[in-house]
């Protein structure tokens, strides 16, 4: 995890999610956005002008963090909790 400021609860269980076919470790209670950002993933999708988009508000109102989760498009990563085995697609190759 690249950012040492991220603090997990001492009893938080590690879970694995798959992001663009790569396993990413998250903690139970993380949002998808938290897991992606902690894993060094900053481009969640591309805007209409093809610029990479990343979370902005982190409270579900701006829709800048939308990703595909378990084949469901336009899911807000900042308000979706991780689940073990969850599959996330950003549209970016890793």
N, C-alpha and C. Protein backbone atom coordinates (compact mmCIF):
# COMPACT_ATOMS: atom_id res chain seq x y z
N UNK A 1 0.85 -1.17 0.00
CA UNK A 1 0.00 0.00 0.00
C UNK A 1 0.90 1.23 0.00
N UNK A 2 0.76 2.10 -0.97
CA UNK A 2 1.71 3.20 -1.14
C UNK A 2 1.59 4.35 -0.14
N UNK A 3 0.47 4.50 0.51
CA UNK A 3 0.28 5.66 1.39
C UNK A 3 0.24 5.22 2.84
N UNK A 4 1.24 5.62 3.62
CA UNK A 4 1.32 5.18 5.01
C UNK A 4 0.29 5.85 5.90
N UNK A 5 -0.44 6.84 5.40
CA UNK A 5 -1.47 7.50 6.21
C UNK A 5 -2.73 6.68 6.32
N UNK A 6 -2.87 5.62 5.57
CA UNK A 6 -4.06 4.77 5.62
C UNK A 6 -3.96 3.87 6.85
N UNK A 7 -4.95 3.94 7.70
CA UNK A 7 -4.94 3.17 8.93
C UNK A 7 -6.17 2.27 8.96
N UNK A 8 -5.93 0.99 9.05
CA UNK A 8 -7.04 0.04 9.15
C UNK A 8 -7.28 -0.28 10.62
N UNK A 9 -8.50 -0.61 10.94
CA UNK A 9 -8.82 -1.06 12.29
C UNK A 9 -7.95 -2.28 12.60
N UNK A 10 -7.45 -2.39 13.83
CA UNK A 10 -6.57 -3.52 14.16
C UNK A 10 -7.21 -4.89 13.92
N UNK A 11 -8.53 -4.95 14.01
CA UNK A 11 -9.19 -6.24 13.80
C UNK A 11 -9.80 -6.37 12.41
N UNK A 12 -9.48 -5.44 11.51
CA UNK A 12 -10.02 -5.50 10.14
C UNK A 12 -9.42 -6.68 9.38
N UNK A 13 -10.27 -7.40 8.73
CA UNK A 13 -9.86 -8.57 7.96
C UNK A 13 -9.45 -8.14 6.56
N UNK A 14 -8.36 -8.68 6.06
CA UNK A 14 -7.95 -8.40 4.68
C UNK A 14 -8.82 -9.21 3.73
N UNK A 15 -9.23 -8.59 2.64
CA UNK A 15 -10.01 -9.28 1.61
C UNK A 15 -9.35 -9.00 0.27
N UNK A 16 -9.56 -9.90 -0.67
CA UNK A 16 -9.03 -9.74 -2.01
C UNK A 16 -10.17 -9.38 -2.95
N UNK A 17 -9.93 -8.35 -3.78
CA UNK A 17 -10.84 -8.03 -4.87
C UNK A 17 -10.02 -8.08 -6.14
N UNK A 18 -10.68 -8.16 -7.27
CA UNK A 18 -9.99 -8.21 -8.55
C UNK A 18 -10.32 -6.94 -9.30
N UNK A 19 -9.28 -6.19 -9.66
CA UNK A 19 -9.44 -4.93 -10.37
C UNK A 19 -8.73 -5.05 -11.71
N UNK A 20 -9.51 -4.98 -12.79
CA UNK A 20 -8.94 -5.12 -14.14
C UNK A 20 -8.05 -6.35 -14.23
N UNK A 21 -8.56 -7.47 -13.71
CA UNK A 21 -7.90 -8.78 -13.75
C UNK A 21 -6.64 -8.88 -12.88
N UNK A 22 -6.45 -7.95 -11.95
CA UNK A 22 -5.31 -7.99 -11.03
C UNK A 22 -5.86 -7.99 -9.61
N UNK A 23 -5.34 -8.90 -8.76
CA UNK A 23 -5.81 -8.94 -7.37
C UNK A 23 -5.30 -7.73 -6.59
N UNK A 24 -6.20 -7.14 -5.81
CA UNK A 24 -5.87 -6.00 -4.95
C UNK A 24 -6.34 -6.34 -3.55
N UNK A 25 -5.49 -6.07 -2.57
CA UNK A 25 -5.85 -6.32 -1.17
C UNK A 25 -6.57 -5.10 -0.61
N UNK A 26 -7.66 -5.36 0.09
CA UNK A 26 -8.43 -4.31 0.75
C UNK A 26 -8.70 -4.77 2.17
N UNK A 27 -9.30 -3.90 2.95
CA UNK A 27 -9.70 -4.26 4.30
C UNK A 27 -11.22 -4.25 4.37
N UNK A 28 -11.76 -5.18 5.14
CA UNK A 28 -13.20 -5.20 5.38
C UNK A 28 -13.60 -3.82 5.88
N UNK A 29 -14.65 -3.25 5.31
CA UNK A 29 -15.08 -1.92 5.69
C UNK A 29 -14.61 -0.83 4.73
N UNK A 30 -13.61 -1.14 3.89
CA UNK A 30 -13.16 -0.19 2.86
C UNK A 30 -14.25 0.01 1.83
N UNK A 31 -14.25 1.17 1.22
CA UNK A 31 -15.04 1.33 0.01
C UNK A 31 -14.17 0.90 -1.17
N UNK A 32 -14.80 0.67 -2.30
CA UNK A 32 -14.05 0.32 -3.51
C UNK A 32 -13.07 1.44 -3.84
N UNK A 33 -13.49 2.68 -3.71
CA UNK A 33 -12.60 3.82 -4.02
C UNK A 33 -11.38 3.80 -3.11
N UNK A 34 -11.56 3.53 -1.83
CA UNK A 34 -10.43 3.46 -0.91
C UNK A 34 -9.46 2.37 -1.32
N UNK A 35 -9.98 1.20 -1.64
CA UNK A 35 -9.14 0.07 -2.04
C UNK A 35 -8.36 0.39 -3.31
N UNK A 36 -9.02 1.00 -4.29
CA UNK A 36 -8.34 1.33 -5.54
C UNK A 36 -7.26 2.38 -5.31
N UNK A 37 -7.58 3.44 -4.60
CA UNK A 37 -6.60 4.49 -4.35
C UNK A 37 -5.41 3.96 -3.54
N UNK A 38 -5.68 3.14 -2.52
CA UNK A 38 -4.61 2.56 -1.72
C UNK A 38 -3.75 1.62 -2.54
N UNK A 39 -4.34 1.03 -3.57
CA UNK A 39 -3.61 0.15 -4.47
C UNK A 39 -2.90 0.88 -5.60
N UNK A 40 -2.93 2.21 -5.55
CA UNK A 40 -2.23 3.00 -6.56
C UNK A 40 -3.00 3.24 -7.84
N UNK A 41 -4.29 2.92 -7.83
CA UNK A 41 -5.13 3.09 -9.02
C UNK A 41 -5.85 4.42 -8.92
N UNK A 42 -5.57 5.32 -9.84
CA UNK A 42 -6.17 6.66 -9.77
C UNK A 42 -7.11 6.95 -10.93
N UNK A 43 -7.01 6.22 -12.03
CA UNK A 43 -7.93 6.43 -13.16
C UNK A 43 -9.06 5.43 -13.05
N UNK A 44 -10.25 5.91 -12.67
CA UNK A 44 -11.39 5.03 -12.46
C UNK A 44 -12.19 4.82 -13.74
N UNK A 45 -12.24 5.80 -14.59
CA UNK A 45 -12.86 5.70 -15.91
C UNK A 45 -12.37 6.89 -16.72
N UNK A 46 -12.84 7.02 -17.95
CA UNK A 46 -12.46 8.15 -18.80
C UNK A 46 -13.69 9.00 -19.07
N UNK A 47 -13.49 10.32 -19.06
CA UNK A 47 -14.57 11.25 -19.37
C UNK A 47 -14.85 11.27 -20.86
N UNK A 48 -15.84 12.03 -21.27
CA UNK A 48 -16.19 12.11 -22.70
C UNK A 48 -15.04 12.68 -23.52
N UNK A 49 -14.16 13.45 -22.89
CA UNK A 49 -12.98 13.99 -23.59
C UNK A 49 -11.78 13.05 -23.45
N UNK A 50 -12.01 11.85 -22.92
CA UNK A 50 -11.02 10.78 -22.75
C UNK A 50 -9.95 11.07 -21.68
N UNK A 51 -10.18 12.07 -20.85
CA UNK A 51 -9.25 12.30 -19.74
C UNK A 51 -9.58 11.35 -18.59
N UNK A 52 -8.56 10.88 -17.87
CA UNK A 52 -8.83 9.98 -16.75
C UNK A 52 -9.60 10.70 -15.64
N UNK A 53 -10.55 10.01 -15.06
CA UNK A 53 -11.37 10.57 -13.98
C UNK A 53 -11.04 9.84 -12.70
N UNK A 54 -11.07 10.57 -11.60
CA UNK A 54 -10.76 10.02 -10.29
C UNK A 54 -11.78 10.57 -9.28
N UNK A 55 -11.93 9.96 -8.12
CA UNK A 55 -12.91 10.46 -7.16
C UNK A 55 -12.69 11.93 -6.82
N UNK A 56 -13.79 12.63 -6.65
CA UNK A 56 -13.73 14.06 -6.34
C UNK A 56 -14.39 14.34 -4.99
N UNK A 57 -15.66 13.96 -4.86
CA UNK A 57 -16.38 14.33 -3.63
C UNK A 57 -16.27 13.27 -2.53
N UNK A 58 -16.11 12.01 -2.92
CA UNK A 58 -16.05 10.88 -1.98
C UNK A 58 -17.27 10.76 -1.08
N UNK A 59 -18.42 11.22 -1.58
CA UNK A 59 -19.66 11.02 -0.82
C UNK A 59 -20.84 10.68 -1.73
N UNK A 60 -20.56 10.33 -2.99
CA UNK A 60 -21.58 9.81 -3.87
C UNK A 60 -22.37 10.80 -4.68
N UNK A 61 -21.98 12.07 -4.70
CA UNK A 61 -22.79 13.04 -5.45
C UNK A 61 -22.23 13.40 -6.82
N UNK A 62 -20.92 13.27 -7.04
CA UNK A 62 -20.34 13.78 -8.29
C UNK A 62 -20.24 12.74 -9.40
N UNK A 63 -20.25 11.46 -9.10
CA UNK A 63 -20.18 10.37 -10.07
C UNK A 63 -18.86 10.32 -10.84
N UNK A 64 -17.81 10.94 -10.31
CA UNK A 64 -16.49 10.86 -10.94
C UNK A 64 -15.80 9.53 -10.68
N UNK A 65 -16.31 8.76 -9.74
CA UNK A 65 -15.65 7.52 -9.33
C UNK A 65 -16.34 6.28 -9.91
N UNK A 66 -17.18 6.43 -10.91
CA UNK A 66 -17.93 5.27 -11.39
C UNK A 66 -17.03 4.23 -12.04
N UNK A 67 -17.33 2.98 -11.73
CA UNK A 67 -16.63 1.82 -12.27
C UNK A 67 -17.68 0.74 -12.54
N UNK A 68 -17.25 -0.34 -13.16
CA UNK A 68 -18.11 -1.51 -13.34
C UNK A 68 -17.78 -2.49 -12.22
N UNK A 69 -18.80 -2.90 -11.48
CA UNK A 69 -18.61 -3.84 -10.37
C UNK A 69 -19.47 -5.07 -10.62
N UNK A 70 -18.81 -6.22 -10.71
CA UNK A 70 -19.51 -7.49 -10.96
C UNK A 70 -20.47 -7.35 -12.15
N UNK A 71 -19.95 -6.80 -13.24
CA UNK A 71 -20.66 -6.62 -14.51
C UNK A 71 -21.81 -5.60 -14.46
N UNK A 72 -21.90 -4.83 -13.40
CA UNK A 72 -22.91 -3.76 -13.31
C UNK A 72 -22.21 -2.43 -13.51
N UNK A 73 -22.54 -1.75 -14.59
CA UNK A 73 -21.89 -0.50 -14.96
C UNK A 73 -22.33 0.66 -14.08
N UNK A 74 -21.52 1.70 -14.07
CA UNK A 74 -21.81 2.98 -13.43
C UNK A 74 -22.10 2.87 -11.92
N UNK A 75 -21.35 2.02 -11.25
CA UNK A 75 -21.44 1.89 -9.79
C UNK A 75 -20.50 2.93 -9.17
N UNK A 76 -20.96 3.62 -8.15
CA UNK A 76 -20.13 4.62 -7.47
C UNK A 76 -19.19 3.92 -6.49
N UNK A 77 -17.90 4.01 -6.80
CA UNK A 77 -16.89 3.32 -5.99
C UNK A 77 -16.76 3.90 -4.59
N UNK A 78 -17.08 5.18 -4.43
CA UNK A 78 -16.87 5.83 -3.13
C UNK A 78 -17.92 5.46 -2.09
N UNK A 79 -19.03 4.86 -2.51
CA UNK A 79 -20.07 4.48 -1.54
C UNK A 79 -20.37 2.98 -1.57
N UNK A 80 -19.54 2.22 -2.29
CA UNK A 80 -19.75 0.78 -2.40
C UNK A 80 -18.70 0.06 -1.55
N UNK A 81 -19.14 -0.69 -0.52
CA UNK A 81 -18.17 -1.43 0.30
C UNK A 81 -17.60 -2.62 -0.47
N UNK A 82 -16.33 -2.94 -0.20
CA UNK A 82 -15.73 -4.11 -0.84
C UNK A 82 -16.32 -5.39 -0.27
N UNK A 83 -16.32 -6.41 -1.10
CA UNK A 83 -16.71 -7.77 -0.71
C UNK A 83 -15.63 -8.71 -1.23
N UNK A 84 -15.31 -9.75 -0.51
CA UNK A 84 -14.30 -10.69 -1.01
C UNK A 84 -14.69 -11.21 -2.40
N UNK A 85 -13.72 -11.22 -3.31
CA UNK A 85 -13.95 -11.74 -4.65
C UNK A 85 -14.62 -10.77 -5.61
N UNK A 86 -14.95 -9.60 -5.17
CA UNK A 86 -15.60 -8.58 -6.02
C UNK A 86 -14.72 -8.34 -7.26
N UNK A 87 -15.37 -8.17 -8.41
CA UNK A 87 -14.64 -7.86 -9.66
C UNK A 87 -14.96 -6.44 -10.06
N UNK A 88 -13.91 -5.64 -10.20
CA UNK A 88 -14.04 -4.23 -10.54
C UNK A 88 -13.33 -3.98 -11.87
N UNK A 89 -14.00 -3.25 -12.76
CA UNK A 89 -13.38 -2.89 -14.04
C UNK A 89 -13.39 -1.36 -14.15
N UNK A 90 -12.20 -0.83 -14.44
CA UNK A 90 -12.08 0.62 -14.62
C UNK A 90 -12.05 0.98 -16.09
N UNK A 91 -11.77 0.02 -16.95
CA UNK A 91 -11.60 0.33 -18.37
C UNK A 91 -10.17 0.69 -18.70
N UNK A 92 -9.33 0.75 -17.69
CA UNK A 92 -7.91 1.04 -17.88
C UNK A 92 -7.13 -0.27 -17.81
N UNK A 93 -6.16 -0.45 -18.67
CA UNK A 93 -5.34 -1.65 -18.57
C UNK A 93 -4.26 -1.45 -17.52
N UNK A 94 -3.94 -2.46 -16.80
CA UNK A 94 -2.93 -2.38 -15.71
C UNK A 94 -1.68 -3.11 -16.13
